[in-house]
C-alpha atoms as a PDB file:
ATOM      1  CA  MET A   1     -14.176 -30.309 -16.522  1.00  0.00           C
ATOM      2  CA  LYS A   2     -15.531 -28.209 -14.094  1.00  0.00           C
ATOM      3  CA  ASN A   3     -12.377 -29.393 -12.077  1.00  0.00           C
ATOM      4  CA  SER A   4      -9.486 -29.061 -14.632  1.00  0.00           C
ATOM      5  CA  ILE A   5     -11.202 -25.740 -14.527  1.00  0.00           C
ATOM      6  CA  LEU A   6     -10.609 -24.525 -11.029  1.00  0.00           C
ATOM      7  CA  LEU A   7      -7.455 -26.647 -10.721  1.00  0.00           C
ATOM      8  CA  PHE A   8      -5.781 -24.462 -13.757  1.00  0.00           C
ATOM      9  CA  LEU A   9      -6.941 -21.192 -11.797  1.00  0.00           C
ATOM     10  CA  SER A  10      -5.706 -22.199  -8.902  1.00  0.00           C
ATOM     11  CA  ALA A  11      -2.683 -22.739 -10.184  1.00  0.00           C
ATOM     12  CA  LEU A  12      -2.629 -19.453 -11.314  1.00  0.00           C
ATOM     13  CA  LEU A  13      -3.719 -17.374  -8.173  1.00  0.00           C
ATOM     14  CA  LEU A  14      -0.234 -19.523  -6.520  1.00  0.00           C
ATOM     15  CA  ALA A  15       1.943 -19.073  -8.676  1.00  0.00           C
ATOM     16  CA  GLY A  16       1.068 -14.940  -8.763  1.00  0.00           C
ATOM     17  CA  CYS A  17       0.187 -14.491 -12.068  1.00  0.00           C
ATOM     18  CA  GLY A  18      -0.795 -11.164 -12.902  1.00  0.00           C
ATOM     19  CA  THR A  19       0.869  -9.150 -10.656  1.00  0.00           C
ATOM     20  CA  GLY A  20       3.770  -9.233 -12.136  1.00  0.00           C
ATOM     21  CA  ASN A  21       5.789  -8.511  -8.752  1.00  0.00           C
ATOM     22  CA  ILE A  22       8.731  -9.708  -7.959  1.00  0.00           C
ATOM     23  CA  PRO A  23       9.705 -11.145  -4.703  1.00  0.00           C
ATOM     24  CA  ILE A  24      12.081  -8.922  -2.954  1.00  0.00           C
ATOM     25  CA  SER A  25      14.265  -9.520  -0.033  1.00  0.00           C
ATOM     26  CA  GLY A  26      17.937  -8.531   1.711  1.00  0.00           C
ATOM     27  CA  THR A  27      20.130  -7.681   4.443  1.00  0.00           C
ATOM     28  CA  VAL A  28      20.957  -3.952   5.711  1.00  0.00           C
ATOM     29  CA  THR A  29      24.562  -3.908   6.982  1.00  0.00           C
ATOM     30  CA  PHE A  30      26.757  -0.828   8.125  1.00  0.00           C
ATOM     31  CA  SER A  31      29.274  -0.223   5.520  1.00  0.00           C
ATOM     32  CA  ASP A  32      31.728  -0.125   8.336  1.00  0.00           C
ATOM     33  CA  ASP A  33      31.975  -3.383   9.654  1.00  0.00           C
ATOM     34  CA  GLY A  34      29.064  -5.258   8.045  1.00  0.00           C
ATOM     35  CA  SER A  35      27.011  -6.033  10.878  1.00  0.00           C
ATOM     36  CA  PRO A  36      23.327  -5.583  10.565  1.00  0.00           C
ATOM     37  CA  LEU A  37      21.391  -2.999  11.245  1.00  0.00           C
ATOM     38  CA  PRO A  38      18.877  -3.854  13.508  1.00  0.00           C
ATOM     39  CA  THR A  39      15.550  -1.360  12.958  1.00  0.00           C
ATOM     40  CA  GLY A  40      13.944   1.004  10.181  1.00  0.00           C
ATOM     41  CA  THR A  41      12.424   0.726   7.052  1.00  0.00           C
ATOM     42  CA  VAL A  42      13.733   0.247   3.485  1.00  0.00           C
ATOM     43  CA  ILE A  43      12.055   2.448   0.620  1.00  0.00           C
ATOM     44  CA  PHE A  44      12.341   1.764  -2.450  1.00  0.00           C
ATOM     45  CA  ASP A  45      10.757   4.870  -4.769  1.00  0.00           C
ATOM     46  CA  ASP A  46      10.541   4.325  -8.876  1.00  0.00           C
ATOM     47  CA  GLY A  47       8.887   7.984  -8.830  1.00  0.00           C
ATOM     48  CA  LYS A  48       5.306   6.735  -9.396  1.00  0.00           C
ATOM     49  CA  SER A  49       5.389   4.559  -6.071  1.00  0.00           C
ATOM     50  CA  GLN A  50       7.169   3.398  -3.344  1.00  0.00           C
ATOM     51  CA  ALA A  51       7.573  -0.210  -1.718  1.00  0.00           C
ATOM     52  CA  GLN A  52       8.797  -0.945   1.577  1.00  0.00           C
ATOM     53  CA  GLY A  53      10.286  -3.464   4.094  1.00  0.00           C
ATOM     54  CA  LYS A  54      10.214  -3.406   7.952  1.00  0.00           C
ATOM     55  CA  ILE A  55      13.602  -3.850   8.832  1.00  0.00           C
ATOM     56  CA  GLN A  56      14.434  -7.144  11.437  1.00  0.00           C
ATOM     57  CA  PRO A  57      16.498  -7.272  14.133  1.00  0.00           C
ATOM     58  CA  ASP A  58      18.860  -9.362  12.217  1.00  0.00           C
ATOM     59  CA  GLY A  59      18.950  -6.787   9.423  1.00  0.00           C
ATOM     60  CA  LYS A  60      16.437  -8.537   6.869  1.00  0.00           C
ATOM     61  CA  TYR A  61      13.839  -6.886   5.113  1.00  0.00           C
ATOM     62  CA  VAL A  62      11.332  -7.751   2.256  1.00  0.00           C
ATOM     63  CA  MET A  63       9.475  -5.125   0.283  1.00  0.00           C
ATOM     64  CA  GLY A  64       6.289  -5.088  -0.694  1.00  0.00           C
ATOM     65  CA  PHE A  65       3.533  -2.792  -2.128  1.00  0.00           C
ATOM     66  CA  ASP A  66       0.293  -2.419  -0.581  1.00  0.00           C
ATOM     67  CA  LYS A  67       0.995  -5.198   2.005  1.00  0.00           C
ATOM     68  CA  GLU A  68       4.601  -6.701   3.205  1.00  0.00           C
ATOM     69  CA  ALA A  69       6.129  -9.211   1.163  1.00  0.00           C
ATOM     70  CA  ASN A  70       4.255  -9.183  -2.039  1.00  0.00           C
ATOM     71  CA  GLY A  71       7.209  -7.760  -3.863  1.00  0.00           C
ATOM     72  CA  VAL A  72       7.799  -5.061  -6.257  1.00  0.00           C
ATOM     73  CA  PRO A  73       7.259  -4.757 -10.655  1.00  0.00           C
ATOM     74  CA  PRO A  74      10.325  -4.556 -12.165  1.00  0.00           C
ATOM     75  CA  GLY A  75      12.307  -1.114 -12.452  1.00  0.00           C
ATOM     76  CA  THR A  76      14.943   1.090 -11.111  1.00  0.00           C
ATOM     77  CA  TYR A  77      14.680   2.416  -7.570  1.00  0.00           C
ATOM     78  CA  ALA A  78      16.163   4.935  -5.580  1.00  0.00           C
ATOM     79  CA  VAL A  79      16.189   3.593  -2.324  1.00  0.00           C
ATOM     80  CA  THR A  80      16.071   4.721   1.189  1.00  0.00           C
ATOM     81  CA  VAL A  81      16.482   3.695   4.757  1.00  0.00           C
ATOM     82  CA  ILE A  82      13.948   5.694   7.407  1.00  0.00           C
ATOM     83  CA  GLY A  83      12.954   5.052  11.379  1.00  0.00           C
ATOM     84  CA  ALA A  84      16.558   3.553  11.839  1.00  0.00           C
ATOM     85  CA  VAL A  85      16.942   4.914  15.886  1.00  0.00           C
ATOM     86  CA  GLU A  86      18.046   3.951  18.802  1.00  0.00           C
ATOM     87  CA  MET A  87      15.474   4.826  21.741  1.00  0.00           C
ATOM     88  CA  LEU A  88      17.806   6.529  24.690  1.00  0.00           C
ATOM     89  CA  PRO A  89      17.212   6.288  28.100  1.00  0.00           C
ATOM     90  CA  ASN A  90      14.006   8.099  29.559  1.00  0.00           C
ATOM     91  CA  PRO A  91      14.099   8.259  33.590  1.00  0.00           C
ATOM     92  CA  GLU A  92      12.067  11.465  33.532  1.00  0.00           C
ATOM     93  CA  GLY A  93       9.649  10.387  30.591  1.00  0.00           C
ATOM     94  CA  ARG A  94       9.897  13.270  28.669  1.00  0.00           C
ATOM     95  CA  PHE A  95       8.142  14.113  25.692  1.00  0.00           C
ATOM     96  CA  PRO A  96       9.350  13.984  22.719  1.00  0.00           C
ATOM     97  CA  ILE A  97      11.386  10.621  23.819  1.00  0.00           C
ATOM     98  CA  PRO A  98      14.829  10.953  23.215  1.00  0.00           C
ATOM     99  CA  TYR A  99      16.709   9.082  20.146  1.00  0.00           C
ATOM    100  CA  ALA A 100      19.951   8.311  18.392  1.00  0.00           C
ATOM    101  CA  GLU A 101      20.207   7.882  14.208  1.00  0.00           C
ATOM    102  CA  LEU A 102      21.844   4.521  13.686  1.00  0.00           C
ATOM    103  CA  ILE A 103      22.567   6.266   9.882  1.00  0.00           C
ATOM    104  CA  ASP A 104      23.719   8.514   8.450  1.00  0.00           C
ATOM    105  CA  VAL A 105      21.097  10.986   7.569  1.00  0.00           C
ATOM    106  CA  LYS A 106      21.397  11.419   3.838  1.00  0.00           C
ATOM    107  CA  HIS A 107      20.371   7.732   3.539  1.00  0.00           C
ATOM    108  CA  THR A 108      16.938   8.793   4.729  1.00  0.00           C
ATOM    109  CA  ASP A 109      16.139  11.280   1.306  1.00  0.00           C
ATOM    110  CA  LYS A 110      16.266   9.539  -2.039  1.00  0.00           C
ATOM    111  CA  ALA A 111      18.094  12.486  -3.169  1.00  0.00           C
ATOM    112  CA  THR A 112      20.878  12.231  -1.589  1.00  0.00           C
ATOM    113  CA  SER A 113      21.171   8.652  -0.185  1.00  0.00           C
ATOM    114  CA  GLY A 114      23.075   7.619  -3.529  1.00  0.00           C
ATOM    115  CA  LEU A 115      21.493   3.711  -3.144  1.00  0.00           C
ATOM    116  CA  THR A 116      19.541   2.652  -6.632  1.00  0.00           C
ATOM    117  CA  ILE A 117      18.183  -0.900  -7.513  1.00  0.00           C
ATOM    118  CA  ASP A 118      17.164  -2.270 -11.006  1.00  0.00           C
ATOM    119  CA  VAL A 119      14.757  -4.769  -9.935  1.00  0.00           C
ATOM    120  CA  ASN A 120      14.155  -7.756 -12.624  1.00  0.00           C
ATOM    121  CA  ALA A 121      13.332 -10.972 -12.453  1.00  0.00           C
ATOM    122  CA  SER A 122      17.266 -13.138 -12.637  1.00  0.00           C
ATOM    123  CA  GLN A 123      17.684 -11.391  -9.235  1.00  0.00           C
ATOM    124  CA  ARG A 124      15.517 -11.330  -6.202  1.00  0.00           C
ATOM    125  CA  ILE A 125      18.408 -10.495  -3.012  1.00  0.00           C
ATOM    126  CA  TYR A 126      19.338  -6.589  -2.777  1.00  0.00           C
ATOM    127  CA  ASP A 127      21.716  -6.361   0.163  1.00  0.00           C
ATOM    128  CA  ILE A 128      22.181  -2.997   1.121  1.00  0.00           C
ATOM    129  CA  GLN A 129      25.028  -0.754   3.418  1.00  0.00           C
ATOM    130  CA  VAL A 130      24.873   2.199   4.782  1.00  0.00           C
ATOM    131  CA  ASP A 131      27.104   4.692   6.633  1.00  0.00           C
ATOM    132  CA  ARG A 132      26.543   5.088  10.423  1.00  0.00           C
ATOM    133  CA  ALA A 133      25.485   8.405  11.959  1.00  0.00           C
ATOM    134  CA  LYS A 134      28.189  10.809  12.211  1.00  0.00           C
ATOM    135  CA  ARG A 135      28.301  11.686  16.120  1.00  0.00           C
END
């Protein structure tokens, strides 16, 4: 009996029961040519809390609230992308370190990004397209 209870509790923990979070991942690409955005952070904001996922060099991200990859609850989220910059050469060691934005600044603010995602249990992959920075 004791082993049955332990087995049941272990199964619940492995299944993630109780969190209600849905594992979410995807790829961030540029809208003009589909190439991956190689850096930055994706933010999901439902007006009460934010989840984030670090963008990998291949454009892939995985979402989480208090730790990476623990998913998000179902709901509608405004999406922003921050920290998508390219470090520029700094031979003189200047501060602040020079950089160039990779994406249009509109994607860094939820009021202007134009990106929303409806998270539900039937979908776990959400690809995101962003516009390049205007130079």
